[in-house]
Every structure is written in C-alpha cells, then in structure tokens.
Amino acid sequence: MRQKVHCERTSVGLKATDGRIYLLIGKQEPPSHQVAPKRESLNAKLALYAAKVVTVRGTSIRKQGVNVIEDARVISS
C-alpha cells in the first residue's frame, strides 16, 4: 500500500555521518503582499531523498541543545 507523505508542516531532520541529528531550516524570507509563484518547500525537496545519502549546505549552529542547519539547500544526492 502506498501512502502520500505530508511534509509541509513538519520538521525535516538529517543524520550526519558522525551520527549527529540536524534540524534543517530553509531560507527564511519575509512575508510579501505581492503574489509570487509558489515554490517547492525544502521539506518537499528533501522528501525525495528519504533514506538516501545527500549533501546539504548551510550554516550549522546549535540552539538550545539542538543541532540546526540554517538556510539549508541540497547540493547533491
């Protein structure tokens, strides 16, 4: 049985080669009143790579005990 995965409102995590878990946060953009074309979210892009090895680029920080990669983007798979 196939299920559609809803990932728009959930956080995406990544397990690094060193075993650490990172929370991925895409590029943050301020809200705009202009109508813009809908772009694919970071979560939707990463869902394609579930259980695969990928390279992600961004700023790695630690916030309140949580490893975070801000402005994350997929570089390769």
PDB file of N, CA and C in Angstrom:
ATOM      1  N   MET A   1       0.834  -1.167   0.000  1.00  0.00           N
ATOM      2  CA  MET A   1       0.000   0.000   0.000  1.00  0.00           C
ATOM      3  C   MET A   1       0.887   1.241   0.000  1.00  0.00           C
ATOM      4  N   ARG A   2       0.575   2.197  -0.846  1.00  0.00           N
ATOM      5  CA  ARG A   2       1.348   3.435  -0.915  1.00  0.00           C
ATOM      6  C   ARG A   2       0.624   4.533  -0.167  1.00  0.00           C
ATOM      7  N   GLN A   3       1.394   5.358   0.508  1.00  0.00           N
ATOM      8  CA  GLN A   3       0.823   6.479   1.230  1.00  0.00           C
ATOM      9  C   GLN A   3       1.492   7.758   0.766  1.00  0.00           C
ATOM     10  N   LYS A   4       0.705   8.792   0.673  1.00  0.00           N
ATOM     11  CA  LYS A   4       1.272  10.097   0.352  1.00  0.00           C
ATOM     12  C   LYS A   4       1.805  10.703   1.651  1.00  0.00           C
ATOM     13  N   VAL A   5       3.018  11.192   1.613  1.00  0.00           N
ATOM     14  CA  VAL A   5       3.627  11.782   2.797  1.00  0.00           C
ATOM     15  C   VAL A   5       3.365  13.282   2.789  1.00  0.00           C
ATOM     16  N   HIS A   6       2.811  13.769   3.885  1.00  0.00           N
ATOM     17  CA  HIS A   6       2.567  15.195   4.037  1.00  0.00           C
ATOM     18  C   HIS A   6       3.711  15.772   4.859  1.00  0.00           C
ATOM     19  N   CYS A   7       4.544  16.570   4.225  1.00  0.00           N
ATOM     20  CA  CYS A   7       5.731  17.048   4.923  1.00  0.00           C
ATOM     21  C   CYS A   7       5.815  18.572   4.988  1.00  0.00           C
ATOM     22  N   GLU A   8       4.773  19.261   4.597  1.00  0.00           N
ATOM     23  CA  GLU A   8       4.830  20.715   4.574  1.00  0.00           C
ATOM     24  C   GLU A   8       4.925  21.336   5.962  1.00  0.00           C
ATOM     25  N   ARG A   9       4.306  20.737   6.955  1.00  0.00           N
ATOM     26  CA  ARG A   9       4.247  21.365   8.270  1.00  0.00           C
ATOM     27  C   ARG A   9       5.052  20.612   9.322  1.00  0.00           C
ATOM     28  N   THR A  10       5.884  19.729   8.915  1.00  0.00           N
ATOM     29  CA  THR A  10       6.713  19.008   9.861  1.00  0.00           C
ATOM     30  C   THR A  10       8.172  19.375   9.635  1.00  0.00           C
ATOM     31  N   SER A  11       8.963  19.194  10.651  1.00  0.00           N
ATOM     32  CA  SER A  11      10.385  19.489  10.542  1.00  0.00           C
ATOM     33  C   SER A  11      11.104  18.327   9.890  1.00  0.00           C
ATOM     34  N   VAL A  12      12.130  18.650   9.130  1.00  0.00           N
ATOM     35  CA  VAL A  12      12.919  17.633   8.468  1.00  0.00           C
ATOM     36  C   VAL A  12      14.241  17.509   9.205  1.00  0.00           C
ATOM     37  N   GLY A  13      14.626  16.274   9.484  1.00  0.00           N
ATOM     38  CA  GLY A  13      15.891  16.021  10.153  1.00  0.00           C
ATOM     39  C   GLY A  13      16.844  15.302   9.228  1.00  0.00           C
ATOM     40  N   LEU A  14      18.122  15.386   9.563  1.00  0.00           N
ATOM     41  CA  LEU A  14      19.159  14.747   8.773  1.00  0.00           C
ATOM     42  C   LEU A  14      20.148  14.110   9.739  1.00  0.00           C
ATOM     43  N   LYS A  15      20.510  12.867   9.482  1.00  0.00           N
ATOM     44  CA  LYS A  15      21.516  12.201  10.303  1.00  0.00           C
ATOM     45  C   LYS A  15      22.847  12.304   9.575  1.00  0.00           C
ATOM     46  N   ALA A  16      23.819  12.937  10.205  1.00  0.00           N
ATOM     47  CA  ALA A  16      25.136  13.139   9.609  1.00  0.00           C
ATOM     48  C   ALA A  16      25.984  11.880   9.756  1.00  0.00           C
ATOM     49  N   THR A  17      27.094  11.843   9.035  1.00  0.00           N
ATOM     50  CA  THR A  17      27.971  10.674   9.083  1.00  0.00           C
ATOM     51  C   THR A  17      28.562  10.459  10.473  1.00  0.00           C
ATOM     52  N   ASP A  18      28.632  11.524  11.284  1.00  0.00           N
ATOM     53  CA  ASP A  18      29.152  11.384  12.645  1.00  0.00           C
ATOM     54  C   ASP A  18      28.070  10.958  13.636  1.00  0.00           C
ATOM     55  N   GLY A  19      26.846  10.704  13.149  1.00  0.00           N
ATOM     56  CA  GLY A  19      25.751  10.243  14.000  1.00  0.00           C
ATOM     57  C   GLY A  19      24.892  11.347  14.583  1.00  0.00           C
ATOM     58  N   ARG A  20      25.298  12.590  14.420  1.00  0.00           N
ATOM     59  CA  ARG A  20      24.501  13.701  14.947  1.00  0.00           C
ATOM     60  C   ARG A  20      23.260  13.910  14.087  1.00  0.00           C
ATOM     61  N   ILE A  21      22.195  14.353  14.745  1.00  0.00           N
ATOM     62  CA  ILE A  21      20.943  14.662  14.063  1.00  0.00           C
ATOM     63  C   ILE A  21      20.839  16.179  13.939  1.00  0.00           C
ATOM     64  N   TYR A  22      20.476  16.653  12.745  1.00  0.00           N
ATOM     65  CA  TYR A  22      20.334  18.079  12.490  1.00  0.00           C
ATOM     66  C   TYR A  22      18.915  18.391  12.047  1.00  0.00           C
ATOM     67  N   LEU A  23      18.390  19.499  12.539  1.00  0.00           N
ATOM     68  CA  LEU A  23      17.120  20.044  12.080  1.00  0.00           C
ATOM     69  C   LEU A  23      17.445  20.973  10.922  1.00  0.00           C
ATOM     70  N   LEU A  24      16.785  20.799   9.793  1.00  0.00           N
ATOM     71  CA  LEU A  24      17.070  21.626   8.615  1.00  0.00           C
ATOM     72  C   LEU A  24      16.035  22.733   8.489  1.00  0.00           C
ATOM     73  N   ILE A  25      16.519  23.943   8.289  1.00  0.00           N
ATOM     74  CA  ILE A  25      15.650  25.101   8.108  1.00  0.00           C
ATOM     75  C   ILE A  25      16.031  25.756   6.789  1.00  0.00           C
ATOM     76  N   GLY A  26      15.059  25.913   5.905  1.00  0.00           N
ATOM     77  CA  GLY A  26      15.318  26.528   4.603  1.00  0.00           C
ATOM     78  C   GLY A  26      15.515  28.022   4.714  1.00  0.00           C
ATOM     79  N   LYS A  27      15.732  28.653   3.583  1.00  0.00           N
ATOM     80  CA  LYS A  27      15.951  30.090   3.537  1.00  0.00           C
ATOM     81  C   LYS A  27      14.724  30.819   4.065  1.00  0.00           C
ATOM     82  N   GLN A  28      14.948  31.714   5.002  1.00  0.00           N
ATOM     83  CA  GLN A  28      13.855  32.481   5.592  1.00  0.00           C
ATOM     84  C   GLN A  28      13.654  33.761   4.796  1.00  0.00           C
ATOM     85  N   GLU A  29      12.435  33.963   4.329  1.00  0.00           N
ATOM     86  CA  GLU A  29      12.115  35.163   3.560  1.00  0.00           C
ATOM     87  C   GLU A  29      10.969  35.899   4.237  1.00  0.00           C
ATOM     88  N   PRO A  30      11.059  37.233   4.299  1.00  0.00           N
ATOM     89  CA  PRO A  30       9.970  37.982   4.918  1.00  0.00           C
ATOM     90  C   PRO A  30       8.691  37.852   4.098  1.00  0.00           C
ATOM     91  N   PRO A  31       7.529  37.931   4.752  1.00  0.00           N
ATOM     92  CA  PRO A  31       6.273  37.847   4.011  1.00  0.00           C
ATOM     93  C   PRO A  31       6.130  39.015   3.043  1.00  0.00           C
ATOM     94  N   SER A  32       5.444  38.764   1.948  1.00  0.00           N
ATOM     95  CA  SER A  32       5.253  39.787   0.928  1.00  0.00           C
ATOM     96  C   SER A  32       3.774  39.850   0.564  1.00  0.00           C
ATOM     97  N   HIS A  33       3.319  41.039   0.244  1.00  0.00           N
ATOM     98  CA  HIS A  33       1.926  41.210  -0.169  1.00  0.00           C
ATOM     99  C   HIS A  33       1.746  40.935  -1.660  1.00  0.00           C
ATOM    100  N   GLN A  34       2.853  40.821  -2.378  1.00  0.00           N
ATOM    101  CA  GLN A  34       2.782  40.553  -3.810  1.00  0.00           C
ATOM    102  C   GLN A  34       2.534  39.067  -4.043  1.00  0.00           C
ATOM    103  N   VAL A  35       1.766  38.793  -5.086  1.00  0.00           N
ATOM    104  CA  VAL A  35       1.520  37.407  -5.452  1.00  0.00           C
ATOM    105  C   VAL A  35       2.764  36.887  -6.164  1.00  0.00           C
ATOM    106  N   ALA A  36       3.307  35.816  -5.639  1.00  0.00           N
ATOM    107  CA  ALA A  36       4.529  35.248  -6.225  1.00  0.00           C
ATOM    108  C   ALA A  36       4.255  33.807  -6.627  1.00  0.00           C
ATOM    109  N   PRO A  37       5.016  33.281  -7.577  1.00  0.00           N
ATOM    110  CA  PRO A  37       4.821  31.881  -7.938  1.00  0.00           C
ATOM    111  C   PRO A  37       5.147  30.985  -6.755  1.00  0.00           C
ATOM    112  N   LYS A  38       4.362  29.942  -6.594  1.00  0.00           N
ATOM    113  CA  LYS A  38       4.574  29.030  -5.482  1.00  0.00           C
ATOM    114  C   LYS A  38       5.847  28.219  -5.739  1.00  0.00           C
ATOM    115  N   ARG A  39       6.727  28.202  -4.736  1.00  0.00           N
ATOM    116  CA  ARG A  39       7.970  27.456  -4.857  1.00  0.00           C
ATOM    117  C   ARG A  39       7.890  26.196  -4.010  1.00  0.00           C
ATOM    118  N   GLU A  40       8.629  25.205  -4.412  1.00  0.00           N
ATOM    119  CA  GLU A  40       8.663  23.957  -3.678  1.00  0.00           C
ATOM    120  C   GLU A  40       9.410  24.178  -2.370  1.00  0.00           C
ATOM    121  N   SER A  41       8.847  23.707  -1.267  1.00  0.00           N
ATOM    122  CA  SER A  41       9.478  23.883   0.033  1.00  0.00           C
ATOM    123  C   SER A  41      10.691  22.974   0.185  1.00  0.00           C
ATOM    124  N   LEU A  42      11.541  23.324   1.138  1.00  0.00           N
ATOM    125  CA  LEU A  42      12.711  22.495   1.439  1.00  0.00           C
ATOM    126  C   LEU A  42      12.256  21.101   1.852  1.00  0.00           C
ATOM    127  N   ASN A  43      11.197  21.013   2.650  1.00  0.00           N
ATOM    128  CA  ASN A  43      10.693  19.708   3.091  1.00  0.00           C
ATOM    129  C   ASN A  43      10.283  18.841   1.905  1.00  0.00           C
ATOM    130  N   ALA A  44       9.602  19.435   0.940  1.00  0.00           N
ATOM    131  CA  ALA A  44       9.165  18.670  -0.230  1.00  0.00           C
ATOM    132  C   ALA A  44      10.363  18.194  -1.044  1.00  0.00           C
ATOM    133  N   LYS A  45      11.377  19.043  -1.187  1.00  0.00           N
ATOM    134  CA  LYS A  45      12.579  18.639  -1.915  1.00  0.00           C
ATOM    135  C   LYS A  45      13.294  17.494  -1.210  1.00  0.00           C
ATOM    136  N   LEU A  46      13.420  17.602   0.121  1.00  0.00           N
ATOM    137  CA  LEU A  46      14.144  16.576   0.873  1.00  0.00           C
ATOM    138  C   LEU A  46      13.380  15.262   0.967  1.00  0.00           C
ATOM    139  N   ALA A  47      12.071  15.306   0.851  1.00  0.00           N
ATOM    140  CA  ALA A  47      11.284  14.074   0.902  1.00  0.00           C
ATOM    141  C   ALA A  47      11.690  13.117  -0.212  1.00  0.00           C
ATOM    142  N   LEU A  48      12.145  13.661  -1.328  1.00  0.00           N
ATOM    143  CA  LEU A  48      12.595  12.828  -2.449  1.00  0.00           C
ATOM    144  C   LEU A  48      13.847  12.031  -2.106  1.00  0.00           C
ATOM    145  N   TYR A  49      14.601  12.500  -1.113  1.00  0.00           N
ATOM    146  CA  TYR A  49      15.864  11.867  -0.765  1.00  0.00           C
ATOM    147  C   TYR A  49      15.797  11.047   0.527  1.00  0.00           C
ATOM    148  N   ALA A  50      14.612  10.740   1.001  1.00  0.00           N
ATOM    149  CA  ALA A  50      14.473   9.970   2.245  1.00  0.00           C
ATOM    150  C   ALA A  50      15.263   8.671   2.165  1.00  0.00           C
ATOM    151  N   ALA A  51      16.035   8.382   3.189  1.00  0.00           N
ATOM    152  CA  ALA A  51      16.853   7.168   3.314  1.00  0.00           C
ATOM    153  C   ALA A  51      17.977   7.105   2.284  1.00  0.00           C
ATOM    154  N   LYS A  52      18.362   8.242   1.725  1.00  0.00           N
ATOM    155  CA  LYS A  52      19.469   8.306   0.772  1.00  0.00           C
ATOM    156  C   LYS A  52      20.545   9.232   1.320  1.00  0.00           C
ATOM    157  N   VAL A  53      21.739   9.132   0.777  1.00  0.00           N
ATOM    158  CA  VAL A  53      22.837   9.999   1.179  1.00  0.00           C
ATOM    159  C   VAL A  53      22.777  11.269   0.331  1.00  0.00           C
ATOM    160  N   VAL A  54      22.773  12.429   0.998  1.00  0.00           N
ATOM    161  CA  VAL A  54      22.745  13.712   0.304  1.00  0.00           C
ATOM    162  C   VAL A  54      23.779  14.647   0.920  1.00  0.00           C
ATOM    163  N   THR A  55      24.145  15.663   0.160  1.00  0.00           N
ATOM    164  CA  THR A  55      24.996  16.730   0.674  1.00  0.00           C
ATOM    165  C   THR A  55      24.132  17.969   0.816  1.00  0.00           C
ATOM    166  N   VAL A  56      24.188  18.570   2.002  1.00  0.00           N
ATOM    167  CA  VAL A  56      23.390  19.760   2.287  1.00  0.00           C
ATOM    168  C   VAL A  56      24.350  20.877   2.671  1.00  0.00           C
ATOM    169  N   ARG A  57      24.091  22.064   2.171  1.00  0.00           N
ATOM    170  CA  ARG A  57      24.930  23.216   2.509  1.00  0.00           C
ATOM    171  C   ARG A  57      24.080  24.221   3.272  1.00  0.00           C
ATOM    172  N   GLY A  58      24.681  24.862   4.258  1.00  0.00           N
ATOM    173  CA  GLY A  58      24.013  25.878   5.056  1.00  0.00           C
ATOM    174  C   GLY A  58      24.893  26.248   6.228  1.00  0.00           C
ATOM    175  N   THR A  59      24.330  26.959   7.174  1.00  0.00           N
ATOM    176  CA  THR A  59      25.060  27.385   8.365  1.00  0.00           C
ATOM    177  C   THR A  59      24.703  26.465   9.517  1.00  0.00           C
ATOM    178  N   SER A  60      25.698  25.759  10.037  1.00  0.00           N
ATOM    179  CA  SER A  60      25.477  24.817  11.134  1.00  0.00           C
ATOM    180  C   SER A  60      25.647  25.538  12.464  1.00  0.00           C
ATOM    181  N   ILE A  61      24.602  25.481  13.284  1.00  0.00           N
ATOM    182  CA  ILE A  61      24.645  26.101  14.609  1.00  0.00           C
ATOM    183  C   ILE A  61      23.990  25.156  15.621  1.00  0.00           C
ATOM    184  N   ARG A  62      24.113  25.495  16.872  1.00  0.00           N
ATOM    185  CA  ARG A  62      23.460  24.728  17.940  1.00  0.00           C
ATOM    186  C   ARG A  62      22.605  25.700  18.741  1.00  0.00           C
ATOM    187  N   LYS A  63      21.298  25.439  18.799  1.00  0.00           N
ATOM    188  CA  LYS A  63      20.364  26.301  19.517  1.00  0.00           C
ATOM    189  C   LYS A  63      19.675  25.488  20.593  1.00  0.00           C
ATOM    190  N   GLN A  64      19.838  25.890  21.829  1.00  0.00           N
ATOM    191  CA  GLN A  64      19.182  25.246  22.968  1.00  0.00           C
ATOM    192  C   GLN A  64      19.330  23.724  22.925  1.00  0.00           C
ATOM    193  N   GLY A  65      20.538  23.265  22.623  1.00  0.00           N
ATOM    194  CA  GLY A  65      20.819  21.834  22.610  1.00  0.00           C
ATOM    195  C   GLY A  65      20.422  21.106  21.342  1.00  0.00           C
ATOM    196  N   VAL A  66      19.944  21.835  20.337  1.00  0.00           N
ATOM    197  CA  VAL A  66      19.518  21.218  19.076  1.00  0.00           C
ATOM    198  C   VAL A  66      20.476  21.640  17.969  1.00  0.00           C
ATOM    199  N   ASN A  67      20.987  20.663  17.197  1.00  0.00           N
ATOM    200  CA  ASN A  67      21.824  20.964  16.037  1.00  0.00           C
ATOM    201  C   ASN A  67      20.918  21.429  14.901  1.00  0.00           C
ATOM    202  N   VAL A  68      21.243  22.578  14.318  1.00  0.00           N
ATOM    203  CA  VAL A  68      20.413  23.174  13.279  1.00  0.00           C
ATOM    204  C   VAL A  68      21.292  23.545  12.088  1.00  0.00           C
ATOM    205  N   ILE A  69      20.780  23.336  10.883  1.00  0.00           N
ATOM    206  CA  ILE A  69      21.423  23.868   9.677  1.00  0.00           C
ATOM    207  C   ILE A  69      20.453  24.880   9.089  1.00  0.00           C
ATOM    208  N   GLU A  70      20.847  26.161   9.187  1.00  0.00           N
ATOM    209  CA  GLU A  70      20.010  27.248   8.671  1.00  0.00           C
ATOM    210  C   GLU A  70      20.325  27.507   7.204  1.00  0.00           C
ATOM    211  N   ASP A  71      19.361  28.045   6.487  1.00  0.00           N
ATOM    212  CA  ASP A  71      19.495  28.330   5.051  1.00  0.00           C
ATOM    213  C   ASP A  71      19.957  27.081   4.296  1.00  0.00           C
ATOM    214  N   ALA A  72      19.435  25.935   4.709  1.00  0.00           N
ATOM    215  CA  ALA A  72      19.839  24.651   4.134  1.00  0.00           C
ATOM    216  C   ALA A  72      19.375  24.524   2.695  1.00  0.00           C
ATOM    217  N   ARG A  73      20.232  23.917   1.880  1.00  0.00           N
ATOM    218  CA  ARG A  73      19.866  23.595   0.494  1.00  0.00           C
ATOM    219  C   ARG A  73      20.591  22.336   0.093  1.00  0.00           C
ATOM    220  N   VAL A  74      19.935  21.533  -0.721  1.00  0.00           N
ATOM    221  CA  VAL A  74      20.504  20.273  -1.192  1.00  0.00           C
ATOM    222  C   VAL A  74      21.493  20.586  -2.307  1.00  0.00           C
ATOM    223  N   ILE A  75      22.724  20.084  -2.162  1.00  0.00           N
ATOM    224  CA  ILE A  75      23.767  20.308  -3.149  1.00  0.00           C
ATOM    225  C   ILE A  75      23.851  19.118  -4.102  1.00  0.00           C
ATOM    226  N   SER A  76      23.846  17.898  -3.568  1.00  0.00           N
ATOM    227  CA  SER A  76      23.930  16.704  -4.408  1.00  0.00           C
ATOM    228  C   SER A  76      23.289  15.524  -3.718  1.00  0.00           C
ATOM    229  N   SER A  77      23.022  14.509  -4.505  1.00  0.00           N
ATOM    230  CA  SER A  77      22.448  13.283  -3.937  1.00  0.00           C
ATOM    231  C   SER A  77      23.214  12.084  -4.441  1.00  0.00           C
TER     232      SER A  77
END
